[in-house]
């Protein structure tokens, strides 16, 4: 009996050591796979937010530098919305609404400037500069439109910066 124990005891310890080593190895492999998967998702998500920002910025500049007819604006908006739908896996739910709201406010703002009689305002918009403060003060509606555009733009920039820096963002407030 003692011979059996002398032979069995080291075999049991070796078996337990092997099981523990396999378990630890599996856990490390699994953790590495999860990290790789998470990293790939984060990279794609950051790329998506960066590309969406480029699209929004391009539409904003286009609206400010040339007269855009309603149909052309709808086409630009459709392109942005198509991109958002195609990449919705990587975007937060509220980003679609926020992007549309932003472009609508930019459109409202540039339309107001186009119909106003202020030459300095029109020049500033076409040069993609801020409207001179003295002009903005004289046109309350234009000031509100510019504030709305700037506020939404800053919200988008803040959210996208978080994503691009690797932070997880919580869903933003839904506005109607």
N, C-alpha and C. Protein backbone atom coordinates (compact mmCIF):
# COMPACT_ATOMS: atom_id res chain seq x y z
N UNK A 1 0.81 -1.18 0.00
CA UNK A 1 0.00 0.00 0.00
C UNK A 1 0.86 1.26 0.00
N UNK A 2 1.97 1.18 0.77
CA UNK A 2 2.82 2.35 0.83
C UNK A 2 3.52 2.57 -0.51
N UNK A 3 3.78 1.49 -1.27
CA UNK A 3 4.38 1.64 -2.59
C UNK A 3 3.41 2.33 -3.54
N UNK A 4 2.16 2.00 -3.43
CA UNK A 4 1.13 2.64 -4.27
C UNK A 4 1.07 4.12 -3.97
N UNK A 5 1.06 4.48 -2.69
CA UNK A 5 1.02 5.89 -2.31
C UNK A 5 2.27 6.61 -2.78
N UNK A 6 3.44 5.95 -2.66
CA UNK A 6 4.69 6.58 -3.11
C UNK A 6 4.63 6.89 -4.61
N UNK A 7 4.01 6.04 -5.39
CA UNK A 7 3.92 6.25 -6.83
C UNK A 7 2.72 7.13 -7.20
N UNK A 8 1.62 6.98 -6.52
CA UNK A 8 0.39 7.72 -6.85
C UNK A 8 0.47 9.18 -6.44
N UNK A 9 1.06 9.45 -5.30
CA UNK A 9 1.11 10.81 -4.78
C UNK A 9 1.83 11.76 -5.75
N UNK A 10 3.02 11.45 -6.24
CA UNK A 10 3.66 12.34 -7.22
C UNK A 10 2.86 12.44 -8.52
N UNK A 11 2.22 11.36 -8.92
CA UNK A 11 1.41 11.39 -10.15
C UNK A 11 0.21 12.32 -9.97
N UNK A 12 -0.41 12.27 -8.80
CA UNK A 12 -1.56 13.16 -8.53
C UNK A 12 -1.10 14.60 -8.50
N UNK A 13 0.01 14.87 -7.86
CA UNK A 13 0.53 16.25 -7.80
C UNK A 13 0.88 16.72 -9.22
N UNK A 14 1.49 15.88 -10.00
CA UNK A 14 1.83 16.24 -11.39
C UNK A 14 0.56 16.51 -12.19
N UNK A 15 -0.45 15.68 -12.01
CA UNK A 15 -1.72 15.87 -12.71
C UNK A 15 -2.36 17.20 -12.30
N UNK A 16 -2.42 17.48 -11.00
CA UNK A 16 -3.00 18.75 -10.52
C UNK A 16 -2.20 19.94 -11.05
N UNK A 17 -0.89 19.82 -11.06
CA UNK A 17 -0.05 20.89 -11.60
C UNK A 17 -0.35 21.13 -13.06
N UNK A 18 -0.52 20.05 -13.81
CA UNK A 18 -0.85 20.17 -15.23
C UNK A 18 -2.20 20.82 -15.43
N UNK A 19 -3.20 20.42 -14.65
CA UNK A 19 -4.55 21.00 -14.75
C UNK A 19 -4.49 22.49 -14.43
N UNK A 20 -3.78 22.85 -13.37
CA UNK A 20 -3.67 24.27 -13.00
C UNK A 20 -2.96 25.06 -14.10
N UNK A 21 -1.89 24.51 -14.65
CA UNK A 21 -1.15 25.20 -15.72
C UNK A 21 -2.03 25.39 -16.96
N UNK A 22 -2.79 24.35 -17.31
CA UNK A 22 -3.70 24.46 -18.45
C UNK A 22 -4.76 25.51 -18.17
N UNK A 23 -5.32 25.54 -16.99
CA UNK A 23 -6.35 26.51 -16.61
C UNK A 23 -5.80 27.93 -16.67
N UNK A 24 -4.62 28.15 -16.08
CA UNK A 24 -4.00 29.48 -16.10
C UNK A 24 -3.70 29.89 -17.55
N UNK A 25 -3.16 28.98 -18.33
CA UNK A 25 -2.88 29.27 -19.73
C UNK A 25 -4.13 29.64 -20.51
N UNK A 26 -5.19 28.89 -20.28
CA UNK A 26 -6.46 29.19 -20.96
C UNK A 26 -6.97 30.57 -20.57
N UNK A 27 -6.92 30.89 -19.28
CA UNK A 27 -7.39 32.21 -18.81
C UNK A 27 -6.59 33.34 -19.44
N UNK A 28 -5.29 33.17 -19.54
CA UNK A 28 -4.45 34.20 -20.16
C UNK A 28 -4.77 34.33 -21.65
N UNK A 29 -4.93 33.21 -22.31
CA UNK A 29 -5.28 33.23 -23.73
C UNK A 29 -6.63 33.93 -23.94
N UNK A 30 -7.61 33.59 -23.11
CA UNK A 30 -8.95 34.18 -23.21
C UNK A 30 -8.89 35.68 -22.97
N UNK A 31 -8.14 36.10 -21.96
CA UNK A 31 -8.01 37.52 -21.66
C UNK A 31 -7.36 38.25 -22.83
N UNK A 32 -6.34 37.64 -23.44
CA UNK A 32 -5.67 38.24 -24.58
C UNK A 32 -6.64 38.37 -25.77
N UNK A 33 -7.44 37.35 -26.01
CA UNK A 33 -8.43 37.39 -27.08
C UNK A 33 -9.44 38.51 -26.84
N UNK A 34 -9.92 38.62 -25.60
CA UNK A 34 -10.88 39.67 -25.26
C UNK A 34 -10.27 41.05 -25.45
N UNK A 35 -9.02 41.21 -25.04
CA UNK A 35 -8.34 42.49 -25.19
C UNK A 35 -8.17 42.84 -26.66
N UNK A 36 -7.81 41.87 -27.46
CA UNK A 36 -7.64 42.10 -28.89
C UNK A 36 -8.97 42.50 -29.53
N UNK A 37 -10.03 41.77 -29.17
CA UNK A 37 -11.36 42.06 -29.72
C UNK A 37 -11.80 43.46 -29.31
N UNK A 38 -11.62 43.80 -28.05
CA UNK A 38 -12.00 45.13 -27.54
C UNK A 38 -11.17 46.21 -28.23
N UNK A 39 -9.88 45.95 -28.39
CA UNK A 39 -9.00 46.93 -29.06
C UNK A 39 -9.41 47.15 -30.50
N UNK A 40 -9.74 46.08 -31.21
CA UNK A 40 -10.19 46.20 -32.60
C UNK A 40 -11.47 47.01 -32.67
N UNK A 41 -12.41 46.74 -31.78
CA UNK A 41 -13.67 47.48 -31.77
C UNK A 41 -13.41 48.95 -31.49
N UNK A 42 -12.57 49.22 -30.50
CA UNK A 42 -12.26 50.61 -30.14
C UNK A 42 -11.62 51.34 -31.33
N UNK A 43 -10.72 50.67 -32.02
CA UNK A 43 -10.05 51.27 -33.17
C UNK A 43 -11.07 51.60 -34.26
N UNK A 44 -11.94 50.64 -34.57
CA UNK A 44 -12.97 50.89 -35.58
C UNK A 44 -13.92 52.00 -35.15
N UNK A 45 -14.25 52.04 -33.88
CA UNK A 45 -15.16 53.06 -33.35
C UNK A 45 -14.52 54.44 -33.48
N UNK A 46 -13.26 54.55 -33.13
CA UNK A 46 -12.56 55.83 -33.25
C UNK A 46 -12.48 56.27 -34.71
N UNK A 47 -12.21 55.31 -35.59
CA UNK A 47 -12.15 55.62 -37.02
C UNK A 47 -13.51 56.12 -37.51
N UNK A 48 -14.57 55.47 -37.07
CA UNK A 48 -15.92 55.86 -37.48
C UNK A 48 -16.25 57.28 -37.02
N UNK A 49 -15.95 57.58 -35.77
CA UNK A 49 -16.23 58.93 -35.25
C UNK A 49 -15.39 59.98 -35.99
N UNK A 50 -14.16 59.66 -36.29
CA UNK A 50 -13.31 60.60 -37.01
C UNK A 50 -13.86 60.86 -38.41
N UNK A 51 -14.25 59.80 -39.09
CA UNK A 51 -14.81 59.95 -40.44
C UNK A 51 -16.13 60.71 -40.41
N UNK A 52 -16.97 60.44 -39.41
CA UNK A 52 -18.23 61.17 -39.29
C UNK A 52 -17.95 62.65 -39.06
N UNK A 53 -16.98 62.94 -38.21
CA UNK A 53 -16.64 64.34 -37.96
C UNK A 53 -16.18 65.01 -39.26
N UNK A 54 -15.38 64.32 -40.06
CA UNK A 54 -14.92 64.87 -41.34
C UNK A 54 -16.12 65.18 -42.25
N UNK A 55 -17.09 64.28 -42.29
CA UNK A 55 -18.27 64.50 -43.12
C UNK A 55 -19.07 65.71 -42.64
N UNK A 56 -19.27 65.81 -41.33
CA UNK A 56 -20.02 66.96 -40.78
C UNK A 56 -19.28 68.27 -41.05
N UNK A 57 -18.00 68.24 -40.86
CA UNK A 57 -17.18 69.44 -41.10
C UNK A 57 -17.24 69.85 -42.56
N UNK A 58 -17.15 68.88 -43.48
CA UNK A 58 -17.21 69.18 -44.91
C UNK A 58 -18.54 69.82 -45.29
N UNK A 59 -19.63 69.29 -44.74
CA UNK A 59 -20.95 69.88 -45.04
C UNK A 59 -21.02 71.29 -44.45
N UNK A 60 -20.52 71.48 -43.25
CA UNK A 60 -20.54 72.80 -42.61
C UNK A 60 -19.78 73.81 -43.48
N UNK A 61 -18.58 73.46 -43.90
CA UNK A 61 -17.77 74.36 -44.72
C UNK A 61 -18.48 74.64 -46.04
N UNK A 62 -19.05 73.61 -46.63
CA UNK A 62 -19.76 73.80 -47.90
C UNK A 62 -20.94 74.77 -47.75
N UNK A 63 -21.69 74.61 -46.67
CA UNK A 63 -22.83 75.51 -46.43
C UNK A 63 -22.37 76.95 -46.22
N UNK A 64 -21.21 77.12 -45.65
CA UNK A 64 -20.72 78.47 -45.37
C UNK A 64 -20.01 79.11 -46.55
N UNK A 65 -19.52 78.33 -47.48
CA UNK A 65 -18.72 78.91 -48.57
C UNK A 65 -19.47 79.05 -49.90
N UNK A 66 -20.63 78.42 -50.00
CA UNK A 66 -21.39 78.58 -51.25
C UNK A 66 -22.88 78.41 -50.97
N UNK A 67 -23.66 78.96 -51.87
CA UNK A 67 -25.11 78.82 -51.74
C UNK A 67 -25.48 77.38 -52.06
N UNK A 68 -26.20 76.76 -51.13
CA UNK A 68 -26.59 75.36 -51.30
C UNK A 68 -28.11 75.31 -51.37
N UNK A 69 -28.61 74.82 -52.49
CA UNK A 69 -30.05 74.70 -52.68
C UNK A 69 -30.60 73.60 -51.77
N UNK A 70 -31.90 73.62 -51.57
CA UNK A 70 -32.55 72.65 -50.68
C UNK A 70 -32.27 71.21 -51.11
N UNK A 71 -32.36 70.93 -52.39
CA UNK A 71 -32.11 69.57 -52.86
C UNK A 71 -30.67 69.14 -52.62
N UNK A 72 -29.75 70.06 -52.83
CA UNK A 72 -28.34 69.73 -52.59
C UNK A 72 -28.11 69.49 -51.09
N UNK A 73 -28.75 70.31 -50.26
CA UNK A 73 -28.62 70.11 -48.81
C UNK A 73 -29.18 68.75 -48.41
N UNK A 74 -30.33 68.40 -48.96
CA UNK A 74 -30.93 67.10 -48.65
C UNK A 74 -30.01 65.96 -49.10
N UNK A 75 -29.34 66.15 -50.22
CA UNK A 75 -28.41 65.13 -50.70
C UNK A 75 -27.22 65.01 -49.74
N UNK A 76 -26.69 66.13 -49.28
CA UNK A 76 -25.58 66.10 -48.32
C UNK A 76 -26.02 65.43 -47.02
N UNK A 77 -27.22 65.78 -46.57
CA UNK A 77 -27.76 65.20 -45.35
C UNK A 77 -27.98 63.69 -45.53
N UNK A 78 -28.44 63.30 -46.68
CA UNK A 78 -28.66 61.88 -46.98
C UNK A 78 -27.33 61.11 -46.94
N UNK A 79 -26.27 61.73 -47.46
CA UNK A 79 -24.95 61.08 -47.43
C UNK A 79 -24.49 60.87 -45.99
N UNK A 80 -24.68 61.88 -45.16
CA UNK A 80 -24.28 61.77 -43.75
C UNK A 80 -25.12 60.70 -43.06
N UNK A 81 -26.43 60.73 -43.30
CA UNK A 81 -27.32 59.74 -42.68
C UNK A 81 -27.00 58.32 -43.14
N UNK A 82 -26.66 58.17 -44.41
CA UNK A 82 -26.28 56.84 -44.93
C UNK A 82 -25.03 56.35 -44.22
N UNK A 83 -24.07 57.23 -44.06
CA UNK A 83 -22.85 56.85 -43.34
C UNK A 83 -23.17 56.42 -41.92
N UNK A 84 -24.01 57.18 -41.25
CA UNK A 84 -24.38 56.86 -39.87
C UNK A 84 -25.08 55.50 -39.80
N UNK A 85 -26.00 55.24 -40.71
CA UNK A 85 -26.70 53.95 -40.71
C UNK A 85 -25.75 52.79 -41.00
N UNK A 86 -24.83 52.99 -41.93
CA UNK A 86 -23.88 51.93 -42.28
C UNK A 86 -22.90 51.63 -41.15
N UNK A 87 -22.65 52.60 -40.29
CA UNK A 87 -21.66 52.45 -39.23
C UNK A 87 -22.29 52.52 -37.84
N UNK A 88 -23.58 52.24 -37.76
CA UNK A 88 -24.30 52.39 -36.49
C UNK A 88 -23.79 51.45 -35.39
N UNK A 89 -23.12 50.38 -35.75
CA UNK A 89 -22.55 49.48 -34.76
C UNK A 89 -21.57 50.22 -33.85
N UNK A 90 -20.87 51.20 -34.40
CA UNK A 90 -19.82 51.88 -33.65
C UNK A 90 -20.26 53.23 -33.08
N UNK A 91 -21.46 53.67 -33.40
CA UNK A 91 -21.92 54.99 -32.96
C UNK A 91 -22.95 54.86 -31.84
N UNK A 92 -22.97 55.85 -30.99
CA UNK A 92 -23.99 55.90 -29.95
C UNK A 92 -25.34 56.24 -30.58
N UNK A 93 -26.39 55.84 -29.94
CA UNK A 93 -27.74 56.00 -30.46
C UNK A 93 -28.08 57.47 -30.76
N UNK A 94 -27.68 58.36 -29.89
CA UNK A 94 -28.04 59.77 -30.04
C UNK A 94 -27.20 60.53 -31.07
N UNK A 95 -26.13 59.92 -31.58
CA UNK A 95 -25.26 60.62 -32.51
C UNK A 95 -25.95 60.92 -33.84
N UNK A 96 -26.86 60.06 -34.26
CA UNK A 96 -27.60 60.29 -35.50
C UNK A 96 -28.42 61.57 -35.37
N UNK A 97 -29.18 61.66 -34.30
CA UNK A 97 -30.01 62.84 -34.05
C UNK A 97 -29.14 64.09 -33.91
N UNK A 98 -28.05 63.97 -33.17
CA UNK A 98 -27.17 65.10 -32.92
C UNK A 98 -26.55 65.61 -34.22
N UNK A 99 -26.11 64.72 -35.07
CA UNK A 99 -25.52 65.12 -36.35
C UNK A 99 -26.55 65.83 -37.23
N UNK A 100 -27.77 65.30 -37.30
CA UNK A 100 -28.81 65.93 -38.10
C UNK A 100 -29.19 67.30 -37.54
N UNK A 101 -29.28 67.37 -36.23
CA UNK A 101 -29.62 68.64 -35.58
C UNK A 101 -28.53 69.68 -35.86
N UNK A 102 -27.30 69.26 -35.78
CA UNK A 102 -26.18 70.17 -36.05
C UNK A 102 -26.25 70.72 -37.47
N UNK A 103 -26.42 69.83 -38.45
CA UNK A 103 -26.47 70.28 -39.85
C UNK A 103 -27.68 71.17 -40.12
N UNK A 104 -28.81 70.86 -39.48
CA UNK A 104 -29.99 71.71 -39.65
C UNK A 104 -29.75 73.10 -39.09
N UNK A 105 -29.08 73.18 -37.95
CA UNK A 105 -28.78 74.49 -37.35
C UNK A 105 -27.78 75.27 -38.19
N UNK A 106 -26.80 74.58 -38.76
CA UNK A 106 -25.85 75.26 -39.64
C UNK A 106 -26.60 75.80 -40.85
N UNK A 107 -27.50 74.99 -41.38
CA UNK A 107 -28.31 75.43 -42.54
C UNK A 107 -29.15 76.65 -42.18
N UNK A 108 -29.82 76.61 -41.02
CA UNK A 108 -30.62 77.76 -40.58
C UNK A 108 -29.76 79.00 -40.44
N UNK A 109 -28.61 78.83 -39.83
CA UNK A 109 -27.70 79.95 -39.61
C UNK A 109 -27.24 80.57 -40.93
N UNK A 110 -26.78 79.74 -41.86
CA UNK A 110 -26.29 80.28 -43.13
C UNK A 110 -27.43 80.89 -43.95
N UNK A 111 -28.63 80.34 -43.83
CA UNK A 111 -29.79 80.93 -44.52
C UNK A 111 -30.11 82.30 -43.96
N UNK A 112 -30.05 82.43 -42.65
CA UNK A 112 -30.29 83.74 -42.03
C UNK A 112 -29.27 84.77 -42.50
N UNK A 113 -28.02 84.38 -42.53
CA UNK A 113 -26.98 85.31 -42.96
C UNK A 113 -27.19 85.69 -44.42
N UNK A 114 -27.56 84.73 -45.24
CA UNK A 114 -27.76 84.99 -46.66
C UNK A 114 -28.89 85.99 -46.90
N UNK A 115 -29.89 85.98 -46.02
CA UNK A 115 -31.03 86.89 -46.21
C UNK A 115 -30.86 88.22 -45.49
N UNK A 116 -29.84 88.35 -44.66
CA UNK A 116 -29.66 89.62 -43.94
C UNK A 116 -28.95 90.63 -44.84
N UNK A 117 -28.98 91.87 -44.44
CA UNK A 117 -28.40 92.93 -45.26
C UNK A 117 -26.98 93.30 -44.82
N UNK A 118 -26.43 92.56 -43.89
CA UNK A 118 -25.11 92.88 -43.36
C UNK A 118 -24.00 92.28 -44.22
N UNK A 119 -23.28 93.16 -44.90
CA UNK A 119 -22.15 92.72 -45.72
C UNK A 119 -21.05 92.08 -44.87
N UNK A 120 -20.68 92.67 -43.71
CA UNK A 120 -19.64 92.02 -42.89
C UNK A 120 -20.04 90.60 -42.45
N UNK A 121 -21.32 90.39 -42.18
CA UNK A 121 -21.79 89.06 -41.78
C UNK A 121 -21.65 88.09 -42.94
N UNK A 122 -22.03 88.51 -44.13
CA UNK A 122 -21.93 87.63 -45.30
C UNK A 122 -20.48 87.29 -45.63
N UNK A 123 -19.60 88.28 -45.51
CA UNK A 123 -18.18 88.04 -45.77
C UNK A 123 -17.62 87.06 -44.74
N UNK A 124 -17.96 87.26 -43.47
CA UNK A 124 -17.45 86.40 -42.41
C UNK A 124 -17.92 84.96 -42.61
N UNK A 125 -19.18 84.78 -42.98
CA UNK A 125 -19.70 83.43 -43.19
C UNK A 125 -18.98 82.76 -44.36
N UNK A 126 -18.81 83.49 -45.46
CA UNK A 126 -18.13 82.91 -46.63
C UNK A 126 -16.67 82.60 -46.34
N UNK A 127 -16.05 83.37 -45.44
CA UNK A 127 -14.65 83.12 -45.06
C UNK A 127 -14.55 82.10 -43.93
N UNK A 128 -15.66 81.53 -43.53
CA UNK A 128 -15.78 80.58 -42.42
C UNK A 128 -15.21 81.15 -41.12
N UNK A 129 -15.39 82.45 -40.95
CA UNK A 129 -14.95 83.12 -39.72
C UNK A 129 -16.18 83.37 -38.84
N UNK A 130 -15.92 83.78 -37.61
CA UNK A 130 -17.03 84.18 -36.74
C UNK A 130 -17.61 85.48 -37.25
N UNK A 131 -18.90 85.61 -37.07
CA UNK A 131 -19.56 86.86 -37.44
C UNK A 131 -19.04 87.95 -36.50
N UNK A 132 -18.69 89.14 -37.02
CA UNK A 132 -18.21 90.20 -36.14
C UNK A 132 -19.21 90.47 -35.01
N UNK A 133 -18.72 90.66 -33.78
CA UNK A 133 -19.62 90.83 -32.63
C UNK A 133 -20.63 91.96 -32.79
N UNK A 134 -20.22 93.07 -33.39
CA UNK A 134 -21.15 94.20 -33.55
C UNK A 134 -22.31 93.86 -34.48
N UNK A 135 -22.06 93.01 -35.44
CA UNK A 135 -23.11 92.59 -36.36
C UNK A 135 -24.04 91.60 -35.65
N UNK A 136 -23.44 90.67 -34.92
CA UNK A 136 -24.23 89.66 -34.22
C UNK A 136 -25.17 90.32 -33.22
N UNK A 137 -24.67 91.32 -32.49
CA UNK A 137 -25.50 92.02 -31.50
C UNK A 137 -26.70 92.68 -32.16
N UNK A 138 -26.51 93.16 -33.36
CA UNK A 138 -27.61 93.86 -34.03
C UNK A 138 -28.65 92.91 -34.62
N UNK A 139 -28.32 91.67 -34.70
CA UNK A 139 -29.25 90.70 -35.28
C UNK A 139 -29.45 89.56 -34.27
N UNK A 140 -30.43 89.71 -33.42
CA UNK A 140 -30.67 88.75 -32.32
C UNK A 140 -30.93 87.33 -32.83
N UNK A 141 -31.70 87.19 -33.88
CA UNK A 141 -32.01 85.86 -34.39
C UNK A 141 -30.76 85.16 -34.91
N UNK A 142 -29.89 85.92 -35.56
CA UNK A 142 -28.65 85.36 -36.06
C UNK A 142 -27.76 84.93 -34.88
N UNK A 143 -27.75 85.72 -33.84
CA UNK A 143 -26.93 85.37 -32.67
C UNK A 143 -27.41 84.05 -32.07
N UNK A 144 -28.73 83.88 -31.97
CA UNK A 144 -29.26 82.63 -31.42
C UNK A 144 -28.91 81.46 -32.32
N UNK A 145 -29.03 81.65 -33.62
CA UNK A 145 -28.70 80.57 -34.56
C UNK A 145 -27.22 80.19 -34.46
N UNK A 146 -26.35 81.18 -34.37
CA UNK A 146 -24.93 80.88 -34.25
C UNK A 146 -24.64 80.18 -32.93
N UNK A 147 -25.31 80.62 -31.87
CA UNK A 147 -25.12 79.98 -30.56
C UNK A 147 -25.56 78.52 -30.60
N UNK A 148 -26.71 78.28 -31.23
CA UNK A 148 -27.21 76.90 -31.35
C UNK A 148 -26.21 76.03 -32.11
N UNK A 149 -25.69 76.55 -33.21
CA UNK A 149 -24.71 75.80 -34.01
C UNK A 149 -23.46 75.52 -33.17
N UNK A 150 -22.95 76.55 -32.52
CA UNK A 150 -21.74 76.40 -31.72
C UNK A 150 -21.94 75.43 -30.57
N UNK A 151 -23.09 75.50 -29.92
CA UNK A 151 -23.36 74.62 -28.77
C UNK A 151 -23.42 73.15 -29.21
N UNK A 152 -24.13 72.88 -30.28
CA UNK A 152 -24.22 71.51 -30.77
C UNK A 152 -22.86 71.04 -31.27
N UNK A 153 -22.14 71.93 -31.96
CA UNK A 153 -20.80 71.58 -32.45
C UNK A 153 -19.89 71.21 -31.28
N UNK A 154 -19.92 71.99 -30.24
CA UNK A 154 -19.08 71.68 -29.07
C UNK A 154 -19.48 70.35 -28.42
N UNK A 155 -20.78 70.07 -28.40
CA UNK A 155 -21.24 68.78 -27.88
C UNK A 155 -20.71 67.63 -28.70
N UNK A 156 -20.75 67.79 -30.01
CA UNK A 156 -20.24 66.75 -30.91
C UNK A 156 -18.73 66.59 -30.73
N UNK A 157 -18.02 67.72 -30.71
CA UNK A 157 -16.57 67.67 -30.56
C UNK A 157 -16.20 66.99 -29.24
N UNK A 158 -16.89 67.34 -28.15
CA UNK A 158 -16.59 66.75 -26.84
C UNK A 158 -16.82 65.24 -26.86
N UNK A 159 -17.95 64.80 -27.44
CA UNK A 159 -18.25 63.37 -27.50
C UNK A 159 -17.22 62.64 -28.36
N UNK A 160 -16.89 63.21 -29.52
CA UNK A 160 -15.98 62.55 -30.44
C UNK A 160 -14.58 62.51 -29.86
N UNK A 161 -14.16 63.57 -29.16
CA UNK A 161 -12.84 63.56 -28.52
C UNK A 161 -12.75 62.43 -27.51
N UNK A 162 -13.82 62.21 -26.76
CA UNK A 162 -13.83 61.13 -25.78
C UNK A 162 -13.64 59.79 -26.47
N UNK A 163 -14.36 59.59 -27.56
CA UNK A 163 -14.25 58.33 -28.29
C UNK A 163 -12.85 58.18 -28.87
N UNK A 164 -12.34 59.24 -29.48
CA UNK A 164 -11.03 59.16 -30.12
C UNK A 164 -9.91 59.00 -29.11
N UNK A 165 -10.12 59.45 -27.87
CA UNK A 165 -9.09 59.27 -26.85
C UNK A 165 -9.23 57.92 -26.14
N UNK A 166 -10.25 57.15 -26.51
CA UNK A 166 -10.42 55.82 -25.95
C UNK A 166 -11.35 55.76 -24.76
N UNK A 167 -11.96 56.88 -24.40
CA UNK A 167 -12.90 56.86 -23.28
C UNK A 167 -14.22 56.26 -23.73
N UNK A 168 -14.90 55.63 -22.84
CA UNK A 168 -16.23 55.11 -23.11
C UNK A 168 -17.18 56.25 -22.83
N UNK A 169 -18.11 56.49 -23.75
CA UNK A 169 -19.07 57.56 -23.52
C UNK A 169 -20.43 56.98 -23.25
N UNK A 170 -21.12 57.64 -22.35
CA UNK A 170 -22.50 57.26 -22.04
C UNK A 170 -23.40 57.90 -23.08
N UNK A 171 -24.55 57.31 -23.34
CA UNK A 171 -25.48 57.93 -24.28
C UNK A 171 -25.81 59.35 -23.84
N UNK A 172 -25.85 60.27 -24.80
CA UNK A 172 -26.15 61.66 -24.51
C UNK A 172 -27.65 61.88 -24.39
N UNK A 173 -28.04 63.08 -23.99
CA UNK A 173 -29.47 63.38 -23.85
C UNK A 173 -30.14 63.41 -25.21
N UNK A 174 -31.30 62.88 -25.28
CA UNK A 174 -32.07 62.89 -26.52
C UNK A 174 -32.90 64.15 -26.54
N UNK A 175 -32.72 64.92 -27.64
CA UNK A 175 -33.48 66.16 -27.78
C UNK A 175 -34.44 66.00 -28.96
N UNK A 176 -35.59 66.56 -28.82
CA UNK A 176 -36.56 66.48 -29.92
C UNK A 176 -36.67 67.74 -30.66
